[in-house]
Amino acid sequence: MNRRRFFTALSAAVTATLASRPAWAAQYEVTRSDAQWRAMLSNLQYKVMRAEGTERAFSSPLNDEKRTGTFTCRGCDLALYASKDKFDSGTGWPSFVRSIPNAIGTKTDRKLFMTRTECHCRRCGSHLGHIFDDGPAPTGKRHCINGVSLKFVAA
């Protein structure tokens, strides 16, 4: 077998494997097909949560939410952030100094010609936003979160 045939066969095998099983299926407790995600989410929610997009700054009503309660994942209802950890960062997105323990996962994001820390729901894999090192005490972190990825549950 020559190299061209080998790489063509390898490429076809990889493509078939990836197409037959969603990437998040093996990693997360809550899984849905692409069609199920599209049916339950608006176009913007899908773009942000499943395609790692970003909502427009200052567009989420949750940016101004000040009541006591919990911010949960829109995709699976997992409690992600406590209202006591929310602060006004002035960026136009809901911002938090920390997440609820064991609520989020992170990975390195190298899009946009920089390295950032992306965060997602640890239970369903939905993209939430990014974590930066310019937040207030006590953590010095700013979890900059897309409001469309969250729901608010008042206490």
N, C-alpha and C. Protein backbone atom coordinates (compact mmCIF):
# COMPACT_ATOMS: atom_id res chain seq x y z
N MET A 1 0.86 -1.18 0.00
CA MET A 1 0.00 0.00 0.00
C MET A 1 0.90 1.23 0.00
N ASN A 2 0.62 2.16 -0.91
CA ASN A 2 1.44 3.37 -0.93
C ASN A 2 0.92 4.38 0.09
N ARG A 3 1.70 5.42 0.31
CA ARG A 3 1.35 6.41 1.34
C ARG A 3 0.03 7.10 1.06
N ARG A 4 -0.23 7.43 -0.18
CA ARG A 4 -1.47 8.13 -0.52
C ARG A 4 -2.68 7.27 -0.16
N ARG A 5 -2.67 5.99 -0.54
CA ARG A 5 -3.77 5.10 -0.21
C ARG A 5 -3.92 4.92 1.30
N PHE A 6 -2.78 4.78 1.98
CA PHE A 6 -2.81 4.62 3.43
C PHE A 6 -3.48 5.81 4.10
N PHE A 7 -3.07 7.03 3.74
CA PHE A 7 -3.64 8.22 4.37
C PHE A 7 -5.09 8.44 3.96
N THR A 8 -5.45 8.05 2.75
CA THR A 8 -6.84 8.15 2.32
C THR A 8 -7.70 7.19 3.15
N ALA A 9 -7.23 5.95 3.33
CA ALA A 9 -7.96 4.97 4.12
C ALA A 9 -8.04 5.41 5.58
N LEU A 10 -6.94 5.89 6.12
CA LEU A 10 -6.92 6.37 7.50
C LEU A 10 -7.88 7.53 7.68
N SER A 11 -7.88 8.47 6.78
CA SER A 11 -8.78 9.63 6.85
C SER A 11 -10.24 9.18 6.81
N ALA A 12 -10.56 8.24 5.94
CA ALA A 12 -11.94 7.75 5.83
C ALA A 12 -12.37 7.05 7.12
N ALA A 13 -11.46 6.28 7.71
CA ALA A 13 -11.79 5.57 8.95
C ALA A 13 -12.03 6.55 10.10
N VAL A 14 -11.18 7.55 10.21
CA VAL A 14 -11.33 8.55 11.27
C VAL A 14 -12.62 9.32 11.08
N THR A 15 -12.91 9.74 9.85
CA THR A 15 -14.13 10.49 9.56
C THR A 15 -15.36 9.65 9.91
N ALA A 16 -15.37 8.39 9.53
CA ALA A 16 -16.51 7.52 9.82
C ALA A 16 -16.70 7.34 11.32
N THR A 17 -15.61 7.19 12.05
CA THR A 17 -15.68 7.03 13.50
C THR A 17 -16.24 8.28 14.16
N LEU A 18 -15.73 9.43 13.78
CA LEU A 18 -16.19 10.68 14.39
C LEU A 18 -17.63 10.99 14.03
N ALA A 19 -18.03 10.68 12.82
CA ALA A 19 -19.39 10.97 12.38
C ALA A 19 -20.40 10.05 13.06
N SER A 20 -20.00 8.85 13.43
CA SER A 20 -20.94 7.90 14.00
C SER A 20 -21.18 8.12 15.49
N ARG A 21 -20.31 8.86 16.16
CA ARG A 21 -20.44 9.04 17.60
C ARG A 21 -20.09 10.47 17.97
N PRO A 22 -21.02 11.21 18.57
CA PRO A 22 -20.70 12.58 18.97
C PRO A 22 -19.51 12.61 19.91
N ALA A 23 -18.69 13.64 19.80
CA ALA A 23 -17.47 13.75 20.61
C ALA A 23 -17.78 13.77 22.10
N TRP A 24 -18.90 14.36 22.48
CA TRP A 24 -19.19 14.48 23.91
C TRP A 24 -19.80 13.19 24.49
N ALA A 25 -20.17 12.25 23.66
CA ALA A 25 -20.87 11.05 24.14
C ALA A 25 -20.04 10.25 25.14
N ALA A 26 -18.76 10.15 24.92
CA ALA A 26 -17.93 9.35 25.81
C ALA A 26 -17.47 10.12 27.04
N GLN A 27 -17.57 11.45 27.00
CA GLN A 27 -16.99 12.26 28.06
C GLN A 27 -17.97 12.72 29.13
N TYR A 28 -19.24 12.82 28.83
CA TYR A 28 -20.17 13.48 29.73
C TYR A 28 -21.33 12.58 30.15
N GLU A 29 -21.83 12.83 31.36
CA GLU A 29 -22.96 12.07 31.88
C GLU A 29 -24.24 12.31 31.08
N VAL A 30 -24.49 13.57 30.73
CA VAL A 30 -25.68 13.93 29.97
C VAL A 30 -25.28 14.08 28.51
N THR A 31 -25.88 13.26 27.66
CA THR A 31 -25.59 13.32 26.23
C THR A 31 -26.88 13.45 25.45
N ARG A 32 -26.79 14.14 24.35
CA ARG A 32 -27.93 14.30 23.44
C ARG A 32 -27.39 14.28 22.01
N SER A 33 -28.23 13.90 21.09
CA SER A 33 -27.84 13.98 19.68
C SER A 33 -27.84 15.44 19.27
N ASP A 34 -27.22 15.73 18.16
CA ASP A 34 -27.22 17.09 17.64
C ASP A 34 -28.66 17.57 17.41
N ALA A 35 -29.50 16.70 16.90
CA ALA A 35 -30.90 17.07 16.65
C ALA A 35 -31.62 17.41 17.96
N GLN A 36 -31.33 16.64 19.02
CA GLN A 36 -31.95 16.93 20.32
C GLN A 36 -31.48 18.27 20.87
N TRP A 37 -30.18 18.58 20.76
CA TRP A 37 -29.67 19.89 21.21
C TRP A 37 -30.34 21.00 20.42
N ARG A 38 -30.42 20.85 19.10
CA ARG A 38 -31.03 21.90 18.26
C ARG A 38 -32.49 22.11 18.61
N ALA A 39 -33.20 21.04 18.96
CA ALA A 39 -34.62 21.15 19.30
C ALA A 39 -34.84 21.86 20.62
N MET A 40 -33.91 21.73 21.57
CA MET A 40 -34.12 22.32 22.89
C MET A 40 -33.51 23.71 23.06
N LEU A 41 -32.64 24.12 22.13
CA LEU A 41 -31.94 25.40 22.25
C LEU A 41 -32.31 26.34 21.11
N SER A 42 -32.27 27.64 21.40
CA SER A 42 -32.44 28.62 20.32
C SER A 42 -31.18 28.59 19.45
N ASN A 43 -31.22 29.25 18.31
CA ASN A 43 -30.04 29.29 17.44
C ASN A 43 -28.83 29.87 18.16
N LEU A 44 -29.02 30.95 18.91
CA LEU A 44 -27.92 31.57 19.64
C LEU A 44 -27.41 30.65 20.75
N GLN A 45 -28.32 30.05 21.50
CA GLN A 45 -27.91 29.13 22.56
C GLN A 45 -27.10 27.97 21.98
N TYR A 46 -27.54 27.43 20.85
CA TYR A 46 -26.81 26.34 20.21
C TYR A 46 -25.42 26.81 19.77
N LYS A 47 -25.36 27.97 19.16
CA LYS A 47 -24.08 28.51 18.68
C LYS A 47 -23.09 28.65 19.83
N VAL A 48 -23.56 29.16 20.96
CA VAL A 48 -22.68 29.36 22.11
C VAL A 48 -22.36 28.04 22.81
N MET A 49 -23.38 27.29 23.16
CA MET A 49 -23.21 26.11 24.01
C MET A 49 -22.60 24.90 23.29
N ARG A 50 -22.93 24.71 22.04
CA ARG A 50 -22.47 23.52 21.33
C ARG A 50 -21.36 23.82 20.31
N ALA A 51 -21.26 25.10 19.85
CA ALA A 51 -20.24 25.44 18.86
C ALA A 51 -19.22 26.44 19.41
N GLU A 52 -19.24 26.66 20.72
CA GLU A 52 -18.28 27.52 21.43
C GLU A 52 -18.26 28.95 20.89
N GLY A 53 -19.45 29.46 20.58
CA GLY A 53 -19.56 30.85 20.16
C GLY A 53 -19.63 31.78 21.36
N THR A 54 -19.92 33.05 21.10
CA THR A 54 -20.03 34.06 22.15
C THR A 54 -21.23 34.94 21.86
N GLU A 55 -22.02 35.21 22.89
CA GLU A 55 -23.12 36.14 22.73
C GLU A 55 -22.59 37.57 22.75
N ARG A 56 -23.36 38.49 22.22
CA ARG A 56 -22.98 39.90 22.19
C ARG A 56 -22.94 40.45 23.62
N ALA A 57 -21.94 41.23 23.93
CA ALA A 57 -21.81 41.85 25.26
C ALA A 57 -23.04 42.68 25.59
N PHE A 58 -23.42 42.68 26.85
CA PHE A 58 -24.55 43.43 27.40
C PHE A 58 -25.91 42.99 26.85
N SER A 59 -25.97 41.80 26.23
CA SER A 59 -27.24 41.34 25.66
C SER A 59 -28.01 40.41 26.60
N SER A 60 -27.37 39.89 27.64
CA SER A 60 -28.04 38.95 28.53
C SER A 60 -28.65 39.64 29.74
N PRO A 61 -29.93 39.38 30.02
CA PRO A 61 -30.53 39.92 31.24
C PRO A 61 -29.86 39.39 32.51
N LEU A 62 -29.18 38.25 32.43
CA LEU A 62 -28.50 37.71 33.61
C LEU A 62 -27.29 38.54 34.01
N ASN A 63 -26.82 39.38 33.11
CA ASN A 63 -25.71 40.27 33.46
C ASN A 63 -26.12 41.21 34.60
N ASP A 64 -27.40 41.59 34.64
CA ASP A 64 -27.91 42.50 35.67
C ASP A 64 -28.64 41.79 36.81
N GLU A 65 -28.64 40.46 36.81
CA GLU A 65 -29.33 39.70 37.86
C GLU A 65 -28.62 39.87 39.20
N LYS A 66 -29.38 40.35 40.22
CA LYS A 66 -28.77 40.62 41.52
C LYS A 66 -29.44 39.88 42.67
N ARG A 67 -30.45 39.07 42.37
CA ARG A 67 -31.14 38.34 43.43
C ARG A 67 -30.28 37.19 43.95
N THR A 68 -30.63 36.71 45.14
CA THR A 68 -29.96 35.55 45.72
C THR A 68 -30.47 34.29 45.02
N GLY A 69 -29.55 33.43 44.64
CA GLY A 69 -29.95 32.20 43.97
C GLY A 69 -28.75 31.49 43.36
N THR A 70 -29.06 30.64 42.39
CA THR A 70 -28.05 29.82 41.75
C THR A 70 -28.18 29.91 40.24
N PHE A 71 -27.05 29.99 39.57
CA PHE A 71 -27.01 29.98 38.11
C PHE A 71 -26.72 28.54 37.69
N THR A 72 -27.62 27.97 36.88
CA THR A 72 -27.51 26.56 36.48
C THR A 72 -27.23 26.45 34.99
N CYS A 73 -26.79 25.29 34.56
CA CYS A 73 -26.52 25.02 33.15
C CYS A 73 -27.84 24.92 32.40
N ARG A 74 -27.96 25.63 31.31
CA ARG A 74 -29.16 25.56 30.48
C ARG A 74 -29.29 24.18 29.85
N GLY A 75 -28.20 23.49 29.65
CA GLY A 75 -28.23 22.20 28.98
C GLY A 75 -28.63 21.03 29.85
N CYS A 76 -28.34 21.11 31.17
CA CYS A 76 -28.62 19.94 32.03
C CYS A 76 -29.06 20.31 33.45
N ASP A 77 -29.18 21.58 33.75
CA ASP A 77 -29.65 22.07 35.06
C ASP A 77 -28.67 21.86 36.20
N LEU A 78 -27.41 21.54 35.93
CA LEU A 78 -26.42 21.41 36.99
C LEU A 78 -26.14 22.79 37.59
N ALA A 79 -26.10 22.87 38.91
CA ALA A 79 -25.76 24.13 39.59
C ALA A 79 -24.30 24.46 39.29
N LEU A 80 -24.05 25.66 38.74
CA LEU A 80 -22.70 26.05 38.32
C LEU A 80 -22.11 27.18 39.15
N TYR A 81 -22.90 28.22 39.42
CA TYR A 81 -22.39 29.41 40.10
C TYR A 81 -23.39 29.89 41.13
N ALA A 82 -22.90 30.30 42.28
CA ALA A 82 -23.73 30.88 43.34
C ALA A 82 -23.77 32.40 43.14
N SER A 83 -24.93 32.99 43.41
CA SER A 83 -25.07 34.43 43.23
C SER A 83 -24.11 35.22 44.12
N LYS A 84 -23.70 34.67 45.26
CA LYS A 84 -22.77 35.37 46.15
C LYS A 84 -21.40 35.56 45.49
N ASP A 85 -21.10 34.77 44.47
CA ASP A 85 -19.80 34.86 43.79
C ASP A 85 -19.86 35.67 42.50
N LYS A 86 -21.01 36.29 42.22
CA LYS A 86 -21.17 37.11 41.02
C LYS A 86 -20.71 38.53 41.30
N PHE A 87 -20.10 39.16 40.30
CA PHE A 87 -19.70 40.57 40.45
C PHE A 87 -19.84 41.26 39.10
N ASP A 88 -19.89 42.58 39.14
CA ASP A 88 -20.00 43.37 37.90
C ASP A 88 -18.60 43.67 37.40
N SER A 89 -18.20 42.98 36.35
CA SER A 89 -16.86 43.16 35.79
C SER A 89 -16.80 44.31 34.79
N GLY A 90 -17.97 44.81 34.38
CA GLY A 90 -18.01 45.87 33.38
C GLY A 90 -17.79 45.38 31.96
N THR A 91 -17.68 44.06 31.79
CA THR A 91 -17.40 43.51 30.46
C THR A 91 -18.65 43.27 29.63
N GLY A 92 -19.82 43.21 30.28
CA GLY A 92 -21.05 42.94 29.56
C GLY A 92 -21.51 41.50 29.61
N TRP A 93 -20.79 40.65 30.34
CA TRP A 93 -21.17 39.26 30.53
C TRP A 93 -21.25 38.98 32.02
N PRO A 94 -22.14 38.07 32.44
CA PRO A 94 -22.15 37.68 33.85
C PRO A 94 -20.77 37.17 34.25
N SER A 95 -20.27 37.66 35.37
CA SER A 95 -18.91 37.30 35.82
C SER A 95 -18.95 36.81 37.26
N PHE A 96 -18.11 35.83 37.55
CA PHE A 96 -18.07 35.19 38.85
C PHE A 96 -16.62 35.00 39.29
N VAL A 97 -16.37 35.02 40.60
CA VAL A 97 -15.01 34.81 41.10
C VAL A 97 -14.65 33.33 41.18
N ARG A 98 -15.66 32.47 41.21
CA ARG A 98 -15.42 31.03 41.26
C ARG A 98 -16.72 30.30 40.89
N SER A 99 -16.56 29.04 40.56
CA SER A 99 -17.72 28.18 40.29
C SER A 99 -18.04 27.37 41.55
N ILE A 100 -19.16 26.72 41.55
CA ILE A 100 -19.48 25.76 42.60
C ILE A 100 -18.52 24.58 42.41
N PRO A 101 -17.98 24.02 43.51
CA PRO A 101 -17.02 22.91 43.37
C PRO A 101 -17.55 21.77 42.50
N ASN A 102 -16.68 21.26 41.64
CA ASN A 102 -16.97 20.14 40.75
C ASN A 102 -18.08 20.42 39.75
N ALA A 103 -18.28 21.68 39.39
CA ALA A 103 -19.35 22.03 38.45
C ALA A 103 -18.85 22.22 37.03
N ILE A 104 -17.63 22.70 36.87
CA ILE A 104 -17.15 23.01 35.52
C ILE A 104 -15.89 22.20 35.19
N GLY A 105 -15.65 22.11 33.90
CA GLY A 105 -14.40 21.57 33.39
C GLY A 105 -13.72 22.68 32.60
N THR A 106 -12.44 22.54 32.36
CA THR A 106 -11.71 23.55 31.60
C THR A 106 -10.84 22.88 30.54
N LYS A 107 -10.49 23.66 29.55
CA LYS A 107 -9.53 23.22 28.55
C LYS A 107 -8.87 24.45 27.97
N THR A 108 -7.73 24.26 27.34
CA THR A 108 -7.01 25.35 26.72
C THR A 108 -7.68 25.70 25.40
N ASP A 109 -7.91 26.98 25.18
CA ASP A 109 -8.51 27.51 23.96
C ASP A 109 -7.46 28.38 23.27
N ARG A 110 -7.05 28.00 22.08
CA ARG A 110 -6.03 28.75 21.35
C ARG A 110 -6.62 29.50 20.16
N LYS A 111 -7.93 29.67 20.13
CA LYS A 111 -8.55 30.44 19.05
C LYS A 111 -8.24 31.92 19.23
N LEU A 112 -8.43 32.69 18.20
CA LEU A 112 -8.24 34.14 18.22
C LEU A 112 -6.80 34.55 18.51
N PHE A 113 -5.84 33.71 18.14
CA PHE A 113 -4.42 34.04 18.23
C PHE A 113 -3.94 34.32 19.65
N MET A 114 -4.58 33.69 20.63
CA MET A 114 -4.16 33.82 22.03
C MET A 114 -4.51 32.53 22.76
N THR A 115 -3.95 32.37 23.94
CA THR A 115 -4.27 31.21 24.76
C THR A 115 -5.16 31.65 25.91
N ARG A 116 -6.31 31.00 26.02
CA ARG A 116 -7.25 31.30 27.09
C ARG A 116 -7.69 29.99 27.74
N THR A 117 -8.35 30.11 28.89
CA THR A 117 -8.92 28.93 29.55
C THR A 117 -10.41 28.93 29.30
N GLU A 118 -10.87 27.96 28.53
CA GLU A 118 -12.29 27.80 28.24
C GLU A 118 -12.92 26.99 29.36
N CYS A 119 -14.16 27.32 29.73
CA CYS A 119 -14.85 26.51 30.74
C CYS A 119 -16.16 25.99 30.17
N HIS A 120 -16.51 24.81 30.62
CA HIS A 120 -17.73 24.15 30.15
C HIS A 120 -18.37 23.39 31.32
N CYS A 121 -19.64 23.07 31.17
CA CYS A 121 -20.35 22.28 32.18
C CYS A 121 -19.71 20.90 32.23
N ARG A 122 -19.35 20.45 33.42
CA ARG A 122 -18.69 19.15 33.55
C ARG A 122 -19.66 18.00 33.29
N ARG A 123 -20.98 18.25 33.37
CA ARG A 123 -21.93 17.15 33.20
C ARG A 123 -22.40 16.97 31.75
N CYS A 124 -22.58 18.08 30.99
CA CYS A 124 -23.07 17.92 29.60
C CYS A 124 -22.11 18.49 28.57
N GLY A 125 -21.05 19.16 29.01
CA GLY A 125 -20.06 19.67 28.08
C GLY A 125 -20.41 20.99 27.43
N SER A 126 -21.52 21.60 27.81
CA SER A 126 -21.91 22.87 27.18
C SER A 126 -20.88 23.96 27.46
N HIS A 127 -20.52 24.69 26.41
CA HIS A 127 -19.57 25.81 26.54
C HIS A 127 -20.22 26.91 27.37
N LEU A 128 -19.47 27.41 28.33
CA LEU A 128 -19.96 28.49 29.19
C LEU A 128 -19.28 29.81 28.87
N GLY A 129 -17.97 29.81 28.78
CA GLY A 129 -17.21 31.04 28.55
C GLY A 129 -15.74 30.80 28.80
N HIS A 130 -15.08 31.79 29.40
CA HIS A 130 -13.64 31.71 29.65
C HIS A 130 -13.31 32.21 31.06
N ILE A 131 -12.16 31.79 31.55
CA ILE A 131 -11.68 32.21 32.87
C ILE A 131 -10.41 33.02 32.68
N PHE A 132 -10.38 34.20 33.30
CA PHE A 132 -9.25 35.11 33.19
C PHE A 132 -8.66 35.38 34.57
N ASP A 133 -7.43 35.84 34.59
CA ASP A 133 -6.71 36.11 35.85
C ASP A 133 -6.78 37.57 36.27
N ASP A 134 -7.88 38.25 35.97
CA ASP A 134 -8.00 39.67 36.32
C ASP A 134 -9.22 39.96 37.18
N GLY A 135 -9.63 38.98 37.98
CA GLY A 135 -10.80 39.14 38.83
C GLY A 135 -10.44 39.67 40.21
N PRO A 136 -11.45 39.96 41.01
CA PRO A 136 -11.23 40.49 42.36
C PRO A 136 -10.87 39.39 43.36
N ALA A 137 -10.53 39.81 44.56
CA ALA A 137 -10.27 38.87 45.66
C ALA A 137 -11.58 38.14 45.95
N PRO A 138 -11.59 36.98 46.46
CA PRO A 138 -10.43 36.30 47.01
C PRO A 138 -9.67 35.42 46.01
N THR A 139 -10.22 35.19 44.82
CA THR A 139 -9.59 34.25 43.89
C THR A 139 -8.69 34.90 42.85
N GLY A 140 -8.97 36.17 42.53
CA GLY A 140 -8.24 36.82 41.45
C GLY A 140 -8.68 36.34 40.07
N LYS A 141 -9.73 35.53 40.02
CA LYS A 141 -10.24 34.97 38.76
C LYS A 141 -11.51 35.68 38.33
N ARG A 142 -11.72 35.71 37.03
CA ARG A 142 -12.97 36.22 36.45
C ARG A 142 -13.51 35.15 35.50
N HIS A 143 -14.56 34.48 35.94
CA HIS A 143 -15.26 33.54 35.07
C HIS A 143 -16.23 34.38 34.24
N CYS A 144 -15.90 34.62 33.00
CA CYS A 144 -16.69 35.45 32.10
C CYS A 144 -17.61 34.52 31.32
N ILE A 145 -18.90 34.53 31.65
CA ILE A 145 -19.82 33.48 31.21
C ILE A 145 -20.91 34.05 30.30
N ASN A 146 -21.20 33.32 29.24
CA ASN A 146 -22.30 33.68 28.34
C ASN A 146 -23.62 33.44 29.06
N GLY A 147 -24.44 34.47 29.16
CA GLY A 147 -25.72 34.34 29.85
C GLY A 147 -26.64 33.33 29.20
N VAL A 148 -26.55 33.14 27.88
CA VAL A 148 -27.44 32.18 27.21
C VAL A 148 -27.14 30.75 27.61
N SER A 149 -25.98 30.50 28.21
CA SER A 149 -25.63 29.15 28.66
C SER A 149 -26.20 28.85 30.05
N LEU A 150 -26.77 29.87 30.69
CA LEU A 150 -27.22 29.75 32.08
C LEU A 150 -28.71 29.93 32.23
N LYS A 151 -29.23 29.41 33.34
CA LYS A 151 -30.57 29.73 33.82
C LYS A 151 -30.38 30.20 35.26
N PHE A 152 -31.26 31.06 35.73
CA PHE A 152 -31.18 31.52 37.11
C PHE A 152 -32.32 30.94 37.92
N VAL A 153 -32.00 30.40 39.09
CA VAL A 153 -33.00 29.84 40.01
C VAL A 153 -32.91 30.67 41.30
N ALA A 154 -33.97 31.45 41.55
CA ALA A 154 -33.98 32.28 42.77
C ALA A 154 -34.10 31.41 44.01
N ALA A 155 -33.46 31.88 45.09
CA ALA A 155 -33.49 31.12 46.35
C ALA A 155 -34.80 31.33 47.06
